[in-house]
């Protein structure tokens, strides 16, 4: 009988707990009877094993048990500093060096050059050299030779004359318009660039003069405010500076470079004076002379 009473208490304990805590309704039985019932429930609960810190039988279908979630400490994530990537800088330096070598005639038209060999020459790996040569291939300076490297494009006098004609068609109308609209003080700001081309020409280095020459023309055309025009004109200008077939260092001597550079200062004087006829003649002669000299 005693075991049966205990079993009955165990079976009725969950529902009794819900009746008191879940409904909040106090018991309507007598005080003594309620005290006896509470003592029986206490004895029954004392024999229920503990699982996970909770008493078995304290939940019902209407109240699912709350899972115990372990507390994980939050570790602050400290962002790592990004490493400085120098690859693009190296590629850009190699590209500039290759362009200078093209203008100077160190990379001869028709010759094939491999990226590993050029990499040893510049003291870098073959990867930035290969990437720079691929850019030159897009510009038309070299062409890819499978399993060998890159061949410098061979150009003739006719191609150079065609480039000079296209440059004149683009730049002459722009300069004439600028001569009518740009004030004299703006042209005065370009005087140091024109004088720099004379100094570069006096050095006799074709690569140094080529870079200074492009810088002056780029500054003049930038006054138009048309960035697309500036980019296209500079691309044509760079292609016009590549050597011809059979050419090499010394094809355009120091005297030729100096005479070409002095045309820049004369052009500035005509632009300041707004002498459109002189501007037209100087630009045409400038391009024609560069094409003839090669």
Protein backbone atom coordinates (compact mmCIF):
# COMPACT_ATOMS: atom_id res chain seq x y z
CA UNK A 1 0.00 0.00 0.00
CA UNK A 2 2.81 2.33 0.85
CA UNK A 3 4.49 1.67 -2.48
CA UNK A 4 1.18 2.18 -4.28
CA UNK A 5 0.69 5.52 -2.60
CA UNK A 6 4.16 6.56 -3.56
CA UNK A 7 3.60 5.48 -7.14
CA UNK A 8 0.36 7.44 -7.20
CA UNK A 9 2.19 10.47 -5.92
CA UNK A 10 4.84 10.12 -8.62
CA UNK A 11 2.21 9.84 -11.31
CA UNK A 12 0.23 12.78 -10.10
CA UNK A 13 3.15 15.05 -9.31
CA UNK A 14 3.56 16.62 -12.76
CA UNK A 15 -0.07 17.57 -13.07
CA UNK A 16 -0.14 18.90 -9.50
CA UNK A 17 2.85 21.09 -10.23
CA UNK A 18 1.13 22.46 -13.28
CA UNK A 19 -2.05 23.08 -11.35
CA UNK A 20 -0.23 25.27 -8.85
CA UNK A 21 2.38 26.99 -10.99
CA UNK A 22 0.84 26.89 -14.43
CA UNK A 23 -2.71 27.98 -13.59
CA UNK A 24 -1.95 30.13 -10.56
CA UNK A 25 -5.19 28.86 -8.91
CA UNK A 26 -4.78 27.99 -5.18
CA UNK A 27 -5.98 24.63 -3.85
CA UNK A 28 -9.61 24.55 -2.51
CA UNK A 29 -8.94 21.58 -0.22
CA UNK A 30 -8.48 21.85 3.52
CA UNK A 31 -5.29 23.14 4.94
CA UNK A 32 -4.30 19.84 6.60
CA UNK A 33 -5.08 17.84 3.54
CA UNK A 34 -3.07 20.27 1.43
CA UNK A 35 -0.12 19.99 3.86
CA UNK A 36 -0.16 16.18 3.61
CA UNK A 37 -0.32 16.28 -0.13
CA UNK A 38 2.64 18.64 -0.29
CA UNK A 39 4.71 16.36 1.97
CA UNK A 40 3.88 13.37 -0.28
CA UNK A 41 4.91 15.32 -3.35
CA UNK A 42 8.14 16.37 -1.69
CA UNK A 43 8.99 12.72 -0.90
CA UNK A 44 8.12 11.68 -4.44
CA UNK A 45 10.24 14.42 -6.01
CA UNK A 46 13.16 13.52 -3.76
CA UNK A 47 13.31 10.07 -5.42
CA UNK A 48 13.26 11.50 -9.02
CA UNK A 49 16.80 11.55 -10.52
CA UNK A 50 18.19 14.93 -11.64
CA UNK A 51 18.97 15.31 -15.36
CA UNK A 52 20.89 18.32 -16.59
CA UNK A 53 20.02 20.33 -13.47
CA UNK A 54 16.22 20.03 -14.03
CA UNK A 55 13.73 17.77 -12.28
CA UNK A 56 12.15 15.18 -14.53
CA UNK A 57 8.43 15.62 -14.88
CA UNK A 58 8.38 19.40 -14.48
CA UNK A 59 7.17 20.04 -18.03
CA UNK A 60 4.07 19.13 -19.97
CA UNK A 61 3.01 19.04 -23.59
CA UNK A 62 1.80 22.62 -23.31
CA UNK A 63 5.15 23.82 -21.98
CA UNK A 64 8.14 22.30 -23.84
CA UNK A 65 11.40 22.15 -21.92
CA UNK A 66 13.84 24.98 -22.49
CA UNK A 67 17.06 23.60 -23.97
CA UNK A 68 20.24 24.33 -22.13
CA UNK A 69 22.50 26.38 -24.42
CA UNK A 70 26.15 26.42 -23.43
CA UNK A 71 27.56 29.90 -23.01
CA UNK A 72 30.33 30.46 -25.52
CA UNK A 73 32.66 33.34 -24.75
CA UNK A 74 32.75 35.98 -27.49
CA UNK A 75 36.28 36.51 -28.73
CA UNK A 76 36.75 39.87 -30.45
CA UNK A 77 38.01 39.56 -34.02
CA UNK A 78 40.96 41.82 -34.64
CA UNK A 79 41.29 42.62 -38.38
CA UNK A 80 44.66 41.82 -39.82
CA UNK A 81 46.55 44.49 -41.65
CA UNK A 82 46.51 43.94 -45.39
CA UNK A 83 49.89 43.14 -46.87
CA UNK A 84 51.23 45.72 -49.26
CA UNK A 85 51.08 44.28 -52.79
CA UNK A 86 53.92 45.49 -54.97
CA UNK A 87 53.18 43.34 -58.01
CA UNK A 88 51.24 46.01 -59.91
CA UNK A 89 54.00 48.52 -59.20
CA UNK A 90 56.66 46.15 -60.52
CA UNK A 91 54.61 45.45 -63.63
CA UNK A 92 54.19 49.18 -64.23
CA UNK A 93 57.91 49.80 -63.87
CA UNK A 94 58.71 46.96 -66.27
CA UNK A 95 56.14 48.31 -68.75
CA UNK A 96 57.76 51.76 -68.66
CA UNK A 97 61.19 50.19 -69.09
CA UNK A 98 60.05 48.13 -72.08
CA UNK A 99 58.45 51.17 -73.71
CA UNK A 100 61.70 53.10 -73.28
CA UNK A 101 63.64 50.18 -74.74
CA UNK A 102 61.33 50.15 -77.75
CA UNK A 103 61.81 53.86 -78.44
CA UNK A 104 65.56 53.67 -77.87
CA UNK A 105 65.86 50.76 -80.29
CA UNK A 106 67.12 48.31 -77.67
CA UNK A 107 64.22 46.03 -78.61
CA UNK A 108 64.63 45.74 -82.36
CA UNK A 109 61.73 45.26 -84.79
CA UNK A 110 61.36 41.65 -85.94
CA UNK A 111 63.29 40.20 -83.02
CA UNK A 112 61.69 37.72 -80.57
CA UNK A 113 62.23 38.23 -76.84
CA UNK A 114 61.26 35.79 -74.11
CA UNK A 115 59.90 36.82 -70.74
CA UNK A 116 62.47 34.82 -68.69
CA UNK A 117 65.41 36.38 -70.55
CA UNK A 118 64.02 39.90 -70.13
CA UNK A 119 63.27 39.12 -66.50
CA UNK A 120 66.95 38.33 -65.90
CA UNK A 121 67.85 41.55 -67.64
CA UNK A 122 65.63 43.61 -65.33
CA UNK A 123 66.31 41.52 -62.24
CA UNK A 124 62.70 40.33 -61.79
CA UNK A 125 60.74 37.14 -62.39
CA UNK A 126 59.20 36.33 -65.74
CA UNK A 127 55.63 37.01 -64.53
CA UNK A 128 55.63 40.85 -64.47
CA UNK A 129 57.58 40.89 -67.73
CA UNK A 130 55.02 38.63 -69.39
CA UNK A 131 52.14 40.80 -68.13
CA UNK A 132 53.86 43.96 -69.39
CA UNK A 133 54.50 42.40 -72.79
CA UNK A 134 50.86 41.39 -73.03
CA UNK A 135 49.94 45.03 -72.50
CA UNK A 136 52.32 46.02 -75.27
CA UNK A 137 50.65 43.41 -77.47
CA UNK A 138 47.30 45.13 -76.85
CA UNK A 139 48.89 48.43 -77.86
CA UNK A 140 50.26 46.89 -81.05
CA UNK A 141 53.95 47.17 -80.20
CA UNK A 142 54.61 43.42 -80.07
CA UNK A 143 52.90 40.23 -81.09
CA UNK A 144 52.74 36.92 -79.24
CA UNK A 145 54.83 34.04 -80.59
CA UNK A 146 53.56 30.77 -79.02
CA UNK A 147 56.14 28.89 -76.94
CA UNK A 148 58.80 31.47 -77.75
CA UNK A 149 57.89 34.91 -76.44
CA UNK A 150 57.04 38.22 -78.11
CA UNK A 151 58.13 39.63 -81.44
CA UNK A 152 58.57 43.39 -81.88
CA UNK A 153 56.26 44.56 -84.65
CA UNK A 154 57.94 45.67 -87.87
CA UNK A 155 56.69 49.00 -89.16
CA UNK A 156 57.44 50.87 -92.34
CA UNK A 157 57.52 54.51 -93.41
CA UNK A 158 53.97 54.34 -94.70
CA UNK A 159 52.55 53.34 -91.34
CA UNK A 160 54.40 56.18 -89.65
CA UNK A 161 53.06 58.66 -92.21
CA UNK A 162 49.51 57.36 -91.64
CA UNK A 163 49.87 57.85 -87.89
CA UNK A 164 51.07 61.42 -88.47
CA UNK A 165 48.05 62.12 -90.66
CA UNK A 166 45.61 60.76 -88.09
CA UNK A 167 47.26 62.75 -85.32
CA UNK A 168 46.96 65.93 -87.39
CA UNK A 169 43.27 65.26 -88.07
CA UNK A 170 42.63 64.97 -84.34
CA UNK A 171 44.93 67.53 -82.78
CA UNK A 172 44.95 70.43 -85.27
CA UNK A 173 41.21 71.27 -84.95
CA UNK A 174 41.46 71.00 -81.16
CA UNK A 175 44.46 73.32 -80.98
CA UNK A 176 42.79 75.84 -83.27
CA UNK A 177 39.74 75.87 -81.00
CA UNK A 178 41.91 76.22 -77.93
CA UNK A 179 43.81 79.10 -79.55
CA UNK A 180 40.53 81.02 -79.76
CA UNK A 181 39.36 80.32 -76.21
CA UNK A 182 42.27 79.71 -73.83
CA UNK A 183 43.70 82.89 -72.25
CA UNK A 184 47.38 83.71 -72.56
CA UNK A 185 48.13 83.05 -68.88
CA UNK A 186 47.06 79.42 -69.25
CA UNK A 187 49.48 78.95 -72.13
CA UNK A 188 52.22 80.53 -70.01
CA UNK A 189 51.75 77.72 -67.49
CA UNK A 190 52.87 75.24 -70.16
CA UNK A 191 56.12 77.07 -70.89
CA UNK A 192 58.18 74.97 -68.43
CA UNK A 193 57.01 71.79 -70.16
CA UNK A 194 58.09 73.13 -73.56
CA UNK A 195 61.48 74.08 -72.17
CA UNK A 196 61.81 70.64 -70.60
CA UNK A 197 61.47 69.04 -74.04
CA UNK A 198 64.41 71.13 -75.26
CA UNK A 199 66.58 69.93 -72.38
CA UNK A 200 65.50 66.32 -72.97
CA UNK A 201 66.34 66.63 -76.66
CA UNK A 202 69.76 68.06 -75.83
CA UNK A 203 70.56 64.86 -73.93
CA UNK A 204 70.35 62.93 -77.20
CA UNK A 205 68.32 60.15 -75.52
CA UNK A 206 65.31 59.26 -77.67
CA UNK A 207 63.46 57.62 -74.78
CA UNK A 208 63.86 60.65 -72.51
CA UNK A 209 62.75 63.02 -75.24
CA UNK A 210 59.81 60.80 -76.22
CA UNK A 211 58.41 60.90 -72.68
CA UNK A 212 58.85 64.67 -72.41
CA UNK A 213 57.33 65.18 -75.87
CA UNK A 214 54.20 63.21 -74.91
CA UNK A 215 53.93 65.15 -71.67
CA UNK A 216 53.80 68.47 -73.48
CA UNK A 217 51.19 67.37 -76.03
CA UNK A 218 49.12 65.77 -73.28
CA UNK A 219 49.12 69.02 -71.30
CA UNK A 220 48.01 71.03 -74.34
CA UNK A 221 45.15 68.68 -75.22
CA UNK A 222 44.05 68.42 -71.57
CA UNK A 223 42.89 72.03 -71.80
CA UNK A 224 40.06 70.75 -74.00
CA UNK A 225 38.56 68.90 -71.03
CA UNK A 226 38.05 65.78 -73.16
CA UNK A 227 39.77 62.88 -71.43
CA UNK A 228 38.88 60.40 -74.18
CA UNK A 229 40.54 62.65 -76.73
CA UNK A 230 43.66 62.89 -74.58
CA UNK A 231 43.94 59.11 -74.22
CA UNK A 232 43.44 58.40 -77.92
CA UNK A 233 45.92 61.09 -78.98
CA UNK A 234 48.54 59.83 -76.53
CA UNK A 235 48.16 56.27 -77.78
CA UNK A 236 48.71 57.43 -81.36
CA UNK A 237 51.64 59.56 -80.25
CA UNK A 238 53.31 56.62 -78.47
CA UNK A 239 52.89 54.39 -81.52
CA UNK A 240 54.43 57.08 -83.71
CA UNK A 241 57.55 57.01 -81.54
CA UNK A 242 58.38 53.34 -82.13
CA UNK A 243 61.36 52.72 -84.44
CA UNK A 244 61.02 51.61 -88.03
CA UNK A 245 62.30 48.40 -89.59
CA UNK A 246 66.09 48.46 -89.61
CA UNK A 247 66.09 51.43 -87.27
CA UNK A 248 68.01 51.67 -84.06
CA UNK A 249 69.66 54.14 -81.74
CA UNK A 250 70.83 57.25 -83.51
CA UNK A 251 68.28 57.21 -86.35
CA UNK A 252 67.08 60.57 -85.06
CA UNK A 253 70.18 62.42 -83.97
CA UNK A 254 70.51 65.08 -81.32
CA UNK A 255 70.06 67.88 -83.87
CA UNK A 256 66.78 66.39 -85.08
CA UNK A 257 65.44 66.06 -81.55
CA UNK A 258 66.43 69.62 -80.62
CA UNK A 259 64.81 71.05 -83.75
CA UNK A 260 61.64 69.08 -82.98
CA UNK A 261 61.61 70.36 -79.38
CA UNK A 262 61.99 74.01 -80.39
CA UNK A 263 58.77 73.67 -82.37
CA UNK A 264 56.98 73.31 -79.02
CA UNK A 265 58.08 76.76 -77.85
CA UNK A 266 57.19 78.25 -81.24
CA UNK A 267 53.75 76.63 -81.00
CA UNK A 268 53.16 78.18 -77.58
CA UNK A 269 54.08 81.62 -78.94
CA UNK A 270 51.54 81.19 -81.76
CA UNK A 271 48.85 80.01 -79.35
CA UNK A 272 49.40 83.01 -77.10
CA UNK A 273 49.21 85.35 -80.11
CA UNK A 274 46.13 83.45 -81.40
CA UNK A 275 47.77 83.24 -84.81
CA UNK A 276 45.70 80.38 -86.23
CA UNK A 277 47.61 80.11 -89.52
CA UNK A 278 50.92 79.67 -87.72
CA UNK A 279 49.38 77.15 -85.31
CA UNK A 280 48.06 75.08 -88.21
CA UNK A 281 51.38 75.15 -90.06
CA UNK A 282 53.50 74.36 -87.00
CA UNK A 283 51.42 71.38 -85.93
CA UNK A 284 51.37 69.97 -89.48
CA UNK A 285 55.13 70.38 -89.89
CA UNK A 286 55.73 68.94 -86.42
CA UNK A 287 53.92 65.71 -87.22
CA UNK A 288 55.33 65.45 -90.73
CA UNK A 289 58.87 65.98 -89.49
CA UNK A 290 58.53 63.29 -86.84
CA UNK A 291 57.20 60.87 -89.47
CA UNK A 292 60.04 61.60 -91.89
CA UNK A 293 62.74 61.25 -89.26
CA UNK A 294 61.35 57.98 -87.90
